[in-house]
PDB file of all heavy atoms in Angstrom:
ATOM      1  N   PHE A   1      86.751 180.067 214.602  1.00  0.00           N
ATOM      2  CA  PHE A   1      88.033 180.607 214.165  1.00  0.00           C
ATOM      3  C   PHE A   1      89.192 179.879 214.914  1.00  0.00           C
ATOM      4  O   PHE A   1      90.257 179.573 214.270  1.00  0.00           O
ATOM      5  CB  PHE A   1      88.157 182.096 214.507  1.00  0.00           C
ATOM      6  CG  PHE A   1      89.369 182.797 214.011  1.00  0.00           C
ATOM      7  CD1 PHE A   1      89.731 182.762 212.680  1.00  0.00           C
ATOM      8  CD2 PHE A   1      90.243 183.366 214.917  1.00  0.00           C
ATOM      9  CE1 PHE A   1      90.883 183.350 212.228  1.00  0.00           C
ATOM     10  CE2 PHE A   1      91.382 184.024 214.492  1.00  0.00           C
ATOM     11  CZ  PHE A   1      91.721 183.963 213.152  1.00  0.00           C
ATOM     12  N   GLU A   2      89.044 179.537 216.117  1.00  0.00           N
ATOM     13  CA  GLU A   2      90.072 178.846 216.871  1.00  0.00           C
ATOM     14  C   GLU A   2      90.245 177.469 216.286  1.00  0.00           C
ATOM     15  O   GLU A   2      91.349 176.985 216.077  1.00  0.00           O
ATOM     16  CB  GLU A   2      89.759 178.728 218.338  1.00  0.00           C
ATOM     17  CG  GLU A   2      90.866 177.987 219.134  1.00  0.00           C
ATOM     18  CD  GLU A   2      90.637 178.027 220.621  1.00  0.00           C
ATOM     19  OE1 GLU A   2      89.673 178.604 221.044  1.00  0.00           O
ATOM     20  OE2 GLU A   2      91.481 177.453 221.311  1.00  0.00           O
ATOM     21  N   ILE A   3      89.150 176.815 215.918  1.00  0.00           N
ATOM     22  CA  ILE A   3      89.208 175.463 215.327  1.00  0.00           C
ATOM     23  C   ILE A   3      89.943 175.566 213.968  1.00  0.00           C
ATOM     24  O   ILE A   3      90.830 174.747 213.711  1.00  0.00           O
ATOM     25  CB  ILE A   3      87.800 174.919 215.147  1.00  0.00           C
ATOM     26  CG1 ILE A   3      87.209 174.652 216.539  1.00  0.00           C
ATOM     27  CG2 ILE A   3      87.800 173.632 214.265  1.00  0.00           C
ATOM     28  CD1 ILE A   3      85.747 174.317 216.516  1.00  0.00           C
ATOM     29  N   LYS A   4      89.677 176.572 213.172  1.00  0.00           N
ATOM     30  CA  LYS A   4      90.305 176.723 211.885  1.00  0.00           C
ATOM     31  C   LYS A   4      91.788 177.013 212.045  1.00  0.00           C
ATOM     32  O   LYS A   4      92.607 176.494 211.304  1.00  0.00           O
ATOM     33  CB  LYS A   4      89.672 177.878 211.126  1.00  0.00           C
ATOM     34  CG  LYS A   4      88.398 177.572 210.451  1.00  0.00           C
ATOM     35  CD  LYS A   4      87.811 178.725 209.655  1.00  0.00           C
ATOM     36  CE  LYS A   4      86.428 178.381 209.130  1.00  0.00           C
ATOM     37  NZ  LYS A   4      85.922 179.474 208.337  1.00  0.00           N
ATOM     38  N   MET A   5      92.129 177.782 213.074  1.00  0.00           N
ATOM     39  CA  MET A   5      93.531 178.116 213.319  1.00  0.00           C
ATOM     40  C   MET A   5      94.262 176.827 213.724  1.00  0.00           C
ATOM     41  O   MET A   5      95.416 176.586 213.180  1.00  0.00           O
ATOM     42  CB  MET A   5      93.611 179.163 214.385  1.00  0.00           C
ATOM     43  CG  MET A   5      94.866 179.939 214.441  1.00  0.00           C
ATOM     44  SD  MET A   5      94.742 181.262 215.620  1.00  0.00           S
ATOM     45  CE  MET A   5      94.943 182.659 214.521  1.00  0.00           C
ATOM     46  N   GLN A   6      93.708 176.041 214.616  1.00  0.00           N
ATOM     47  CA  GLN A   6      94.347 174.737 214.992  1.00  0.00           C
ATOM     48  C   GLN A   6      94.516 173.789 213.799  1.00  0.00           C
ATOM     49  O   GLN A   6      95.583 173.241 213.697  1.00  0.00           O
ATOM     50  CB  GLN A   6      93.517 174.038 216.125  1.00  0.00           C
ATOM     51  CG  GLN A   6      93.538 174.791 217.423  1.00  0.00           C
ATOM     52  CD  GLN A   6      94.865 174.672 218.181  1.00  0.00           C
ATOM     53  OE1 GLN A   6      95.824 174.103 217.736  1.00  0.00           O
ATOM     54  NE2 GLN A   6      94.846 175.273 219.356  1.00  0.00           N
ATOM     55  N   GLU A   7      93.568 173.792 212.906  1.00  0.00           N
ATOM     56  CA  GLU A   7      93.680 172.940 211.762  1.00  0.00           C
ATOM     57  C   GLU A   7      94.807 173.481 210.861  1.00  0.00           C
ATOM     58  O   GLU A   7      95.603 172.666 210.340  1.00  0.00           O
ATOM     59  CB  GLU A   7      92.365 173.009 210.920  1.00  0.00           C
ATOM     60  CG  GLU A   7      91.209 172.257 211.535  1.00  0.00           C
ATOM     61  CD  GLU A   7      89.897 172.456 210.824  1.00  0.00           C
ATOM     62  OE1 GLU A   7      89.870 173.206 209.809  1.00  0.00           O
ATOM     63  OE2 GLU A   7      88.854 171.820 211.258  1.00  0.00           O
ATOM     64  N   GLU A   8      94.919 174.738 210.697  1.00  0.00           N
ATOM     65  CA  GLU A   8      95.988 175.314 209.977  1.00  0.00           C
ATOM     66  C   GLU A   8      97.373 174.991 210.546  1.00  0.00           C
ATOM     67  O   GLU A   8      98.297 174.659 209.915  1.00  0.00           O
ATOM     68  CB  GLU A   8      95.834 176.855 209.706  1.00  0.00           C
ATOM     69  CG  GLU A   8      96.817 177.499 208.848  1.00  0.00           C
ATOM     70  CD  GLU A   8      96.743 177.053 207.435  1.00  0.00           C
ATOM     71  OE1 GLU A   8      95.804 176.387 207.025  1.00  0.00           O
ATOM     72  OE2 GLU A   8      97.632 177.411 206.629  1.00  0.00           O
ATOM     73  N   PHE A   9      97.431 175.088 211.918  1.00  0.00           N
ATOM     74  CA  PHE A   9      98.695 174.753 212.617  1.00  0.00           C
ATOM     75  C   PHE A   9      99.107 173.286 212.275  1.00  0.00           C
ATOM     76  O   PHE A   9     100.318 172.958 212.121  1.00  0.00           O
ATOM     77  CB  PHE A   9      98.549 175.002 214.046  1.00  0.00           C
ATOM     78  CG  PHE A   9      98.405 176.449 214.480  1.00  0.00           C
ATOM     79  CD1 PHE A   9      98.057 176.750 215.774  1.00  0.00           C
ATOM     80  CD2 PHE A   9      98.635 177.477 213.571  1.00  0.00           C
ATOM     81  CE1 PHE A   9      97.951 178.142 216.113  1.00  0.00           C
ATOM     82  CE2 PHE A   9      98.504 178.847 213.916  1.00  0.00           C
ATOM     83  CZ  PHE A   9      98.103 179.136 215.263  1.00  0.00           C
ATOM     84  N   ARG A  10      98.079 172.369 212.325  1.00  0.00           N
ATOM     85  CA  ARG A  10      98.387 170.994 212.005  1.00  0.00           C
ATOM     86  C   ARG A  10      98.933 170.860 210.609  1.00  0.00           C
ATOM     87  O   ARG A  10      99.867 170.070 210.369  1.00  0.00           O
ATOM     88  CB  ARG A  10      97.138 170.112 212.265  1.00  0.00           C
ATOM     89  CG  ARG A  10      96.964 169.815 213.725  1.00  0.00           C
ATOM     90  CD  ARG A  10      95.874 168.749 213.939  1.00  0.00           C
ATOM     91  NE  ARG A  10      94.492 169.189 213.574  1.00  0.00           N
ATOM     92  CZ  ARG A  10      93.700 169.969 214.341  1.00  0.00           C
ATOM     93  NH1 ARG A  10      94.187 170.244 215.614  1.00  0.00           N
ATOM     94  NH2 ARG A  10      92.563 170.293 213.968  1.00  0.00           N
ATOM     95  N   ARG A  11      98.346 171.600 209.681  1.00  0.00           N
ATOM     96  CA  ARG A  11      98.720 171.545 208.272  1.00  0.00           C
ATOM     97  C   ARG A  11     100.166 172.019 208.148  1.00  0.00           C
ATOM     98  O   ARG A  11     101.023 171.356 207.492  1.00  0.00           O
ATOM     99  CB  ARG A  11      97.789 172.370 207.376  1.00  0.00           C
ATOM    100  CG  ARG A  11      98.144 172.267 205.918  1.00  0.00           C
ATOM    101  CD  ARG A  11      97.336 173.251 205.069  1.00  0.00           C
ATOM    102  NE  ARG A  11      97.835 174.663 205.270  1.00  0.00           N
ATOM    103  CZ  ARG A  11      98.927 175.108 204.673  1.00  0.00           C
ATOM    104  NH1 ARG A  11      99.635 174.376 203.877  1.00  0.00           N
ATOM    105  NH2 ARG A  11      99.280 176.399 204.894  1.00  0.00           N
ATOM    106  N   ILE A  12     100.453 173.146 208.804  1.00  0.00           N
ATOM    107  CA  ILE A  12     101.861 173.655 208.758  1.00  0.00           C
ATOM    108  C   ILE A  12     102.801 172.685 209.424  1.00  0.00           C
ATOM    109  O   ILE A  12     103.930 172.444 208.911  1.00  0.00           O
ATOM    110  CB  ILE A  12     101.932 175.035 209.419  1.00  0.00           C
ATOM    111  CG1 ILE A  12     101.228 176.059 208.593  1.00  0.00           C
ATOM    112  CG2 ILE A  12     103.366 175.508 209.673  1.00  0.00           C
ATOM    113  CD1 ILE A  12     100.973 177.433 209.266  1.00  0.00           C
ATOM    114  N   ARG A  13     102.398 172.021 210.474  1.00  0.00           N
ATOM    115  CA  ARG A  13     103.214 171.050 211.183  1.00  0.00           C
ATOM    116  C   ARG A  13     103.599 169.937 210.254  1.00  0.00           C
ATOM    117  O   ARG A  13     104.762 169.459 210.212  1.00  0.00           O
ATOM    118  CB  ARG A  13     102.521 170.516 212.402  1.00  0.00           C
ATOM    119  CG  ARG A  13     103.360 169.562 213.229  1.00  0.00           C
ATOM    120  CD  ARG A  13     102.593 169.038 214.486  1.00  0.00           C
ATOM    121  NE  ARG A  13     102.480 170.070 215.485  1.00  0.00           N
ATOM    122  CZ  ARG A  13     103.451 170.310 216.401  1.00  0.00           C
ATOM    123  NH1 ARG A  13     104.588 169.629 216.377  1.00  0.00           N
ATOM    124  NH2 ARG A  13     103.317 171.242 217.315  1.00  0.00           N
ATOM    125  N   ARG A  14     102.639 169.474 209.466  1.00  0.00           N
ATOM    126  CA  ARG A  14     102.957 168.336 208.495  1.00  0.00           C
ATOM    127  C   ARG A  14     103.878 168.760 207.431  1.00  0.00           C
ATOM    128  O   ARG A  14     104.739 167.991 206.991  1.00  0.00           O
ATOM    129  CB  ARG A  14     101.628 167.862 207.855  1.00  0.00           C
ATOM    130  CG  ARG A  14     100.776 166.960 208.762  1.00  0.00           C
ATOM    131  CD  ARG A  14      99.703 166.222 208.028  1.00  0.00           C
ATOM    132  NE  ARG A  14      98.833 167.183 207.277  1.00  0.00           N
ATOM    133  CZ  ARG A  14      97.763 167.824 207.740  1.00  0.00           C
ATOM    134  NH1 ARG A  14      97.361 167.610 208.994  1.00  0.00           N
ATOM    135  NH2 ARG A  14      97.055 168.619 207.002  1.00  0.00           N
ATOM    136  N   LEU A  15     103.788 170.019 206.947  1.00  0.00           N
ATOM    137  CA  LEU A  15     104.556 170.508 205.843  1.00  0.00           C
ATOM    138  C   LEU A  15     105.934 171.031 206.260  1.00  0.00           C
ATOM    139  O   LEU A  15     106.845 171.038 205.470  1.00  0.00           O
ATOM    140  CB  LEU A  15     103.824 171.642 205.113  1.00  0.00           C
ATOM    141  CG  LEU A  15     102.492 171.334 204.480  1.00  0.00           C
ATOM    142  CD1 LEU A  15     101.837 172.548 203.883  1.00  0.00           C
ATOM    143  CD2 LEU A  15     102.768 170.299 203.323  1.00  0.00           C
ATOM    144  N   ASN A  16     106.050 171.511 207.475  1.00  0.00           N
ATOM    145  CA  ASN A  16     107.172 172.296 207.880  1.00  0.00           C
ATOM    146  C   ASN A  16     108.039 171.691 208.916  1.00  0.00           C
ATOM    147  O   ASN A  16     108.025 171.993 210.082  1.00  0.00           O
ATOM    148  CB  ASN A  16     106.703 173.659 208.296  1.00  0.00           C
ATOM    149  CG  ASN A  16     107.769 174.743 208.324  1.00  0.00           C
ATOM    150  OD1 ASN A  16     108.914 174.440 208.058  1.00  0.00           O
ATOM    151  ND2 ASN A  16     107.334 176.000 208.475  1.00  0.00           N
ATOM    152  N   ARG A  17     108.777 170.670 208.562  1.00  0.00           N
ATOM    153  CA  ARG A  17     109.713 170.036 209.502  1.00  0.00           C
ATOM    154  C   ARG A  17     111.013 170.801 209.465  1.00  0.00           C
ATOM    155  O   ARG A  17     111.592 171.045 208.444  1.00  0.00           O
ATOM    156  CB  ARG A  17     109.957 168.564 209.125  1.00  0.00           C
ATOM    157  CG  ARG A  17     108.806 167.684 209.331  1.00  0.00           C
ATOM    158  CD  ARG A  17     108.725 167.447 210.870  1.00  0.00           C
ATOM    159  NE  ARG A  17     107.469 166.700 211.127  1.00  0.00           N
ATOM    160  CZ  ARG A  17     107.048 166.537 212.320  1.00  0.00           C
ATOM    161  NH1 ARG A  17     107.670 166.924 213.321  1.00  0.00           N
ATOM    162  NH2 ARG A  17     105.955 165.869 212.549  1.00  0.00           N
ATOM    163  N   GLY A  18     111.456 171.213 210.672  1.00  0.00           N
ATOM    164  CA  GLY A  18     112.788 171.866 210.686  1.00  0.00           C
ATOM    165  C   GLY A  18     112.672 173.354 211.046  1.00  0.00           C
ATOM    166  O   GLY A  18     111.767 173.753 211.717  1.00  0.00           O
ATOM    167  N   THR A  19     113.540 174.131 210.589  1.00  0.00           N
ATOM    168  CA  THR A  19     113.697 175.504 210.955  1.00  0.00           C
ATOM    169  C   THR A  19     112.543 176.366 210.433  1.00  0.00           C
ATOM    170  O   THR A  19     111.845 176.017 209.510  1.00  0.00           O
ATOM    171  CB  THR A  19     115.046 176.077 210.451  1.00  0.00           C
ATOM    172  OG1 THR A  19     115.015 176.097 209.047  1.00  0.00           O
ATOM    173  CG2 THR A  19     116.207 175.386 210.905  1.00  0.00           C
ATOM    174  N   GLN A  20     112.389 177.438 211.109  1.00  0.00           N
ATOM    175  CA  GLN A  20     111.395 178.426 210.732  1.00  0.00           C
ATOM    176  C   GLN A  20     109.906 178.022 210.933  1.00  0.00           C
ATOM    177  O   GLN A  20     109.005 178.589 210.470  1.00  0.00           O
ATOM    178  CB  GLN A  20     111.527 178.925 209.274  1.00  0.00           C
ATOM    179  CG  GLN A  20     112.951 179.485 208.999  1.00  0.00           C
ATOM    180  CD  GLN A  20     113.345 180.684 209.952  1.00  0.00           C
ATOM    181  OE1 GLN A  20     112.577 181.593 210.121  1.00  0.00           O
ATOM    182  NE2 GLN A  20     114.531 180.606 210.406  1.00  0.00           N
ATOM    183  N   PHE A  21     109.721 176.955 211.757  1.00  0.00           N
ATOM    184  CA  PHE A  21     108.382 176.481 212.047  1.00  0.00           C
ATOM    185  C   PHE A  21     107.591 177.515 212.808  1.00  0.00           C
ATOM    186  O   PHE A  21     106.507 177.813 212.463  1.00  0.00           O
ATOM    187  CB  PHE A  21     108.451 175.172 212.867  1.00  0.00           C
ATOM    188  CG  PHE A  21     107.184 174.730 213.361  1.00  0.00           C
ATOM    189  CD1 PHE A  21     106.204 174.156 212.562  1.00  0.00           C
ATOM    190  CD2 PHE A  21     106.873 174.858 214.734  1.00  0.00           C
ATOM    191  CE1 PHE A  21     104.982 173.750 213.058  1.00  0.00           C
ATOM    192  CE2 PHE A  21     105.620 174.451 215.221  1.00  0.00           C
ATOM    193  CZ  PHE A  21     104.720 173.860 214.397  1.00  0.00           C
ATOM    194  N   ILE A  22     108.173 178.065 213.830  1.00  0.00           N
ATOM    195  CA  ILE A  22     107.487 179.060 214.662  1.00  0.00           C
ATOM    196  C   ILE A  22     107.144 180.306 213.840  1.00  0.00           C
ATOM    197  O   ILE A  22     106.019 180.805 213.936  1.00  0.00           O
ATOM    198  CB  ILE A  22     108.374 179.488 215.877  1.00  0.00           C
ATOM    199  CG1 ILE A  22     108.791 178.298 216.683  1.00  0.00           C
ATOM    200  CG2 ILE A  22     107.621 180.493 216.765  1.00  0.00           C
ATOM    201  CD1 ILE A  22     107.782 177.461 217.334  1.00  0.00           C
ATOM    202  N   LEU A  23     108.068 180.779 213.039  1.00  0.00           N
ATOM    203  CA  LEU A  23     107.871 181.903 212.209  1.00  0.00           C
ATOM    204  C   LEU A  23     106.706 181.633 211.241  1.00  0.00           C
ATOM    205  O   LEU A  23     105.799 182.492 211.024  1.00  0.00           O
ATOM    206  CB  LEU A  23     109.130 182.263 211.404  1.00  0.00           C
ATOM    207  CG  LEU A  23     109.099 183.526 210.551  1.00  0.00           C
ATOM    208  CD1 LEU A  23     108.871 184.704 211.439  1.00  0.00           C
ATOM    209  CD2 LEU A  23     110.433 183.630 209.866  1.00  0.00           C
ATOM    210  N   SER A  24     106.635 180.452 210.664  1.00  0.00           N
ATOM    211  CA  SER A  24     105.468 180.059 209.769  1.00  0.00           C
ATOM    212  C   SER A  24     104.167 180.120 210.514  1.00  0.00           C
ATOM    213  O   SER A  24     103.146 180.624 209.995  1.00  0.00           O
ATOM    214  CB  SER A  24     105.736 178.681 209.184  1.00  0.00           C
ATOM    215  OG  SER A  24     106.858 178.608 208.407  1.00  0.00           O
ATOM    216  N   ILE A  25     104.130 179.623 211.744  1.00  0.00           N
ATOM    217  CA  ILE A  25     102.878 179.632 212.524  1.00  0.00           C
ATOM    218  C   ILE A  25     102.492 181.020 212.871  1.00  0.00           C
ATOM    219  O   ILE A  25     101.309 181.389 212.691  1.00  0.00           O
ATOM    220  CB  ILE A  25     103.113 178.796 213.815  1.00  0.00           C
ATOM    221  CG1 ILE A  25     103.279 177.301 213.474  1.00  0.00           C
ATOM    222  CG2 ILE A  25     101.936 178.990 214.801  1.00  0.00           C
ATOM    223  CD1 ILE A  25     102.101 176.572 213.006  1.00  0.00           C
ATOM    224  N   VAL A  26     103.383 181.822 213.314  1.00  0.00           N
ATOM    225  CA  VAL A  26     103.039 183.217 213.776  1.00  0.00           C
ATOM    226  C   VAL A  26     102.555 184.018 212.593  1.00  0.00           C
ATOM    227  O   VAL A  26     101.525 184.735 212.725  1.00  0.00           O
ATOM    228  CB  VAL A  26     104.276 183.845 214.468  1.00  0.00           C
ATOM    229  CG1 VAL A  26     104.036 185.286 214.714  1.00  0.00           C
ATOM    230  CG2 VAL A  26     104.583 183.112 215.805  1.00  0.00           C
ATOM    231  N   THR A  27     103.243 184.012 211.508  1.00  0.00           N
ATOM    232  CA  THR A  27     102.853 184.794 210.364  1.00  0.00           C
ATOM    233  C   THR A  27     101.529 184.340 209.782  1.00  0.00           C
ATOM    234  O   THR A  27     100.694 185.121 209.340  1.00  0.00           O
ATOM    235  CB  THR A  27     103.946 184.916 209.201  1.00  0.00           C
ATOM    236  OG1 THR A  27     104.302 183.551 208.859  1.00  0.00           O
ATOM    237  CG2 THR A  27     105.137 185.656 209.735  1.00  0.00           C
ATOM    238  N   ARG A  28     101.320 183.023 209.783  1.00  0.00           N
ATOM    239  CA  ARG A  28     100.054 182.497 209.252  1.00  0.00           C
ATOM    240  C   ARG A  28      98.886 182.870 210.193  1.00  0.00           C
ATOM    241  O   ARG A  28      97.764 183.250 209.778  1.00  0.00           O
ATOM    242  CB  ARG A  28     100.109 180.973 209.147  1.00  0.00           C
ATOM    243  CG  ARG A  28      98.875 180.389 208.509  1.00  0.00           C
ATOM    244  CD  ARG A  28      98.603 180.949 207.130  1.00  0.00           C
ATOM    245  NE  ARG A  28      97.342 180.366 206.595  1.00  0.00           N
ATOM    246  CZ  ARG A  28      96.327 181.100 206.126  1.00  0.00           C
ATOM    247  NH1 ARG A  28      96.419 182.434 205.956  1.00  0.00           N
ATOM    248  NH2 ARG A  28      95.218 180.571 205.703  1.00  0.00           N
ATOM    249  N   ALA A  29      99.076 182.875 211.495  1.00  0.00           N
ATOM    250  CA  ALA A  29      98.124 183.250 212.498  1.00  0.00           C
ATOM    251  C   ALA A  29      97.699 184.723 212.261  1.00  0.00           C
ATOM    252  O   ALA A  29      96.544 185.045 212.237  1.00  0.00           O
ATOM    253  CB  ALA A  29      98.575 183.031 213.907  1.00  0.00           C
ATOM    254  N   LYS A  30      98.696 185.583 212.011  1.00  0.00           N
ATOM    255  CA  LYS A  30      98.372 186.990 211.796  1.00  0.00           C
ATOM    256  C   LYS A  30      97.549 187.146 210.470  1.00  0.00           C
ATOM    257  O   LYS A  30      96.586 187.863 210.443  1.00  0.00           O
ATOM    258  CB  LYS A  30      99.623 187.839 211.678  1.00  0.00           C
ATOM    259  CG  LYS A  30      99.353 189.285 211.343  1.00  0.00           C
ATOM    260  CD  LYS A  30     100.357 190.206 211.860  1.00  0.00           C
ATOM    261  CE  LYS A  30     100.161 191.614 211.552  1.00  0.00           C
ATOM    262  NZ  LYS A  30      98.842 192.151 211.462  1.00  0.00           N
ATOM    263  N   ASP A  31      97.930 186.412 209.443  1.00  0.00           N
ATOM    264  CA  ASP A  31      97.244 186.503 208.172  1.00  0.00           C
ATOM    265  C   ASP A  31      95.762 186.055 208.381  1.00  0.00           C
ATOM    266  O   ASP A  31      94.879 186.723 207.812  1.00  0.00           O
ATOM    267  CB  ASP A  31      97.880 185.635 207.132  1.00  0.00           C
ATOM    268  CG  ASP A  31      99.183 186.180 206.570  1.00  0.00           C
ATOM    269  OD1 ASP A  31      99.456 187.367 206.816  1.00  0.00           O
ATOM    270  OD2 ASP A  31      99.938 185.383 205.999  1.00  0.00           O
ATOM    271  N   MET A  32      95.597 184.997 209.153  1.00  0.00           N
ATOM    272  CA  MET A  32      94.209 184.478 209.376  1.00  0.00           C
ATOM    273  C   MET A  32      93.377 185.499 210.141  1.00  0.00           C
ATOM    274  O   MET A  32      92.246 185.640 209.932  1.00  0.00           O
ATOM    275  CB  MET A  32      94.298 183.176 210.095  1.00  0.00           C
ATOM    276  CG  MET A  32      94.797 181.981 209.227  1.00  0.00           C
ATOM    277  SD  MET A  32      94.913 180.491 210.088  1.00  0.00           S
ATOM    278  CE  MET A  32      93.132 180.024 210.230  1.00  0.00           C
ATOM    279  N   MET A  33      94.003 186.212 211.152  1.00  0.00           N
ATOM    280  CA  MET A  33      93.319 187.179 211.924  1.00  0.00           C
ATOM    281  C   MET A  33      92.904 188.342 211.036  1.00  0.00           C
ATOM    282  O   MET A  33      91.768 188.834 211.081  1.00  0.00           O
ATOM    283  CB  MET A  33      94.158 187.711 213.069  1.00  0.00           C
ATOM    284  CG  MET A  33      94.337 186.713 214.174  1.00  0.00           C
ATOM    285  SD  MET A  33      95.395 187.383 215.464  1.00  0.00           S
ATOM    286  CE  MET A  33      95.689 185.945 216.422  1.00  0.00           C
ATOM    287  N   ASP A  34      93.780 188.799 210.167  1.00  0.00           N
ATOM    288  CA  ASP A  34      93.399 189.866 209.282  1.00  0.00           C
ATOM    289  C   ASP A  34      92.382 189.500 208.315  1.00  0.00           C
ATOM    290  O   ASP A  34      91.439 190.301 208.021  1.00  0.00           O
ATOM    291  CB  ASP A  34      94.714 190.394 208.449  1.00  0.00           C
ATOM    292  CG  ASP A  34      95.639 191.185 209.383  1.00  0.00           C
ATOM    293  OD1 ASP A  34      95.248 191.651 210.424  1.00  0.00           O
ATOM    294  OD2 ASP A  34      96.851 191.309 208.954  1.00  0.00           O
ATOM    295  N   GLN A  35      92.344 188.297 207.811  1.00  0.00           N
ATOM    296  CA  GLN A  35      91.245 187.775 206.953  1.00  0.00           C
ATOM    297  C   GLN A  35      89.887 187.722 207.689  1.00  0.00           C
ATOM    298  O   GLN A  35      88.900 188.152 207.151  1.00  0.00           O
ATOM    299  CB  GLN A  35      91.631 186.390 206.430  1.00  0.00           C
ATOM    300  CG  GLN A  35      92.722 186.372 205.363  1.00  0.00           C
ATOM    301  CD  GLN A  35      93.080 184.967 205.016  1.00  0.00           C
ATOM    302  OE1 GLN A  35      92.571 183.960 205.492  1.00  0.00           O
ATOM    303  NE2 GLN A  35      94.163 184.859 204.192  1.00  0.00           N
ATOM    304  N   MET A  36      89.993 187.292 208.965  1.00  0.00           N
ATOM    305  CA  MET A  36      88.783 187.213 209.789  1.00  0.00           C
ATOM    306  C   MET A  36      88.149 188.627 210.055  1.00  0.00           C
ATOM    307  O   MET A  36      87.007 188.865 209.978  1.00  0.00           O
ATOM    308  CB  MET A  36      89.037 186.529 211.128  1.00  0.00           C
ATOM    309  CG  MET A  36      87.766 186.412 211.984  1.00  0.00           C
ATOM    310  SD  MET A  36      86.366 185.613 211.263  1.00  0.00           S
ATOM    311  CE  MET A  36      86.892 183.938 211.239  1.00  0.00           C
ATOM    312  N   VAL A  37      89.049 189.570 210.290  1.00  0.00           N
ATOM    313  CA  VAL A  37      88.656 190.986 210.529  1.00  0.00           C
ATOM    314  C   VAL A  37      87.885 191.492 209.241  1.00  0.00           C
ATOM    315  O   VAL A  37      86.881 192.110 209.313  1.00  0.00           O
ATOM    316  CB  VAL A  37      89.845 191.871 210.878  1.00  0.00           C
ATOM    317  CG1 VAL A  37      89.458 193.363 210.827  1.00  0.00           C
ATOM    318  CG2 VAL A  37      90.215 191.554 212.356  1.00  0.00           C
ATOM    319  N   ARG A  38      88.528 191.220 208.066  1.00  0.00           N
ATOM    320  CA  ARG A  38      87.904 191.672 206.804  1.00  0.00           C
ATOM    321  C   ARG A  38      86.587 191.057 206.624  1.00  0.00           C
ATOM    322  O   ARG A  38      85.628 191.671 206.231  1.00  0.00           O
ATOM    323  CB  ARG A  38      88.881 191.343 205.649  1.00  0.00           C
ATOM    324  CG  ARG A  38      90.025 192.326 205.536  1.00  0.00           C
ATOM    325  CD  ARG A  38      90.750 192.203 204.263  1.00  0.00           C
ATOM    326  NE  ARG A  38      91.406 190.872 204.036  1.00  0.00           N
ATOM    327  CZ  ARG A  38      92.606 190.544 204.470  1.00  0.00           C
ATOM    328  NH1 ARG A  38      93.327 191.407 205.145  1.00  0.00           N
ATOM    329  NH2 ARG A  38      93.057 189.401 204.242  1.00  0.00           N
TER     330      ARG A  38
END
């Protein structure tokens, strides 16, 4: 899960230059956690 999360962070980093980067990372991390729990 940590490896998948880091991969997703790298993907977001490539796509998201500029504002709201942190917000994108935090909300995606929460979504991934909820998916993992399910």
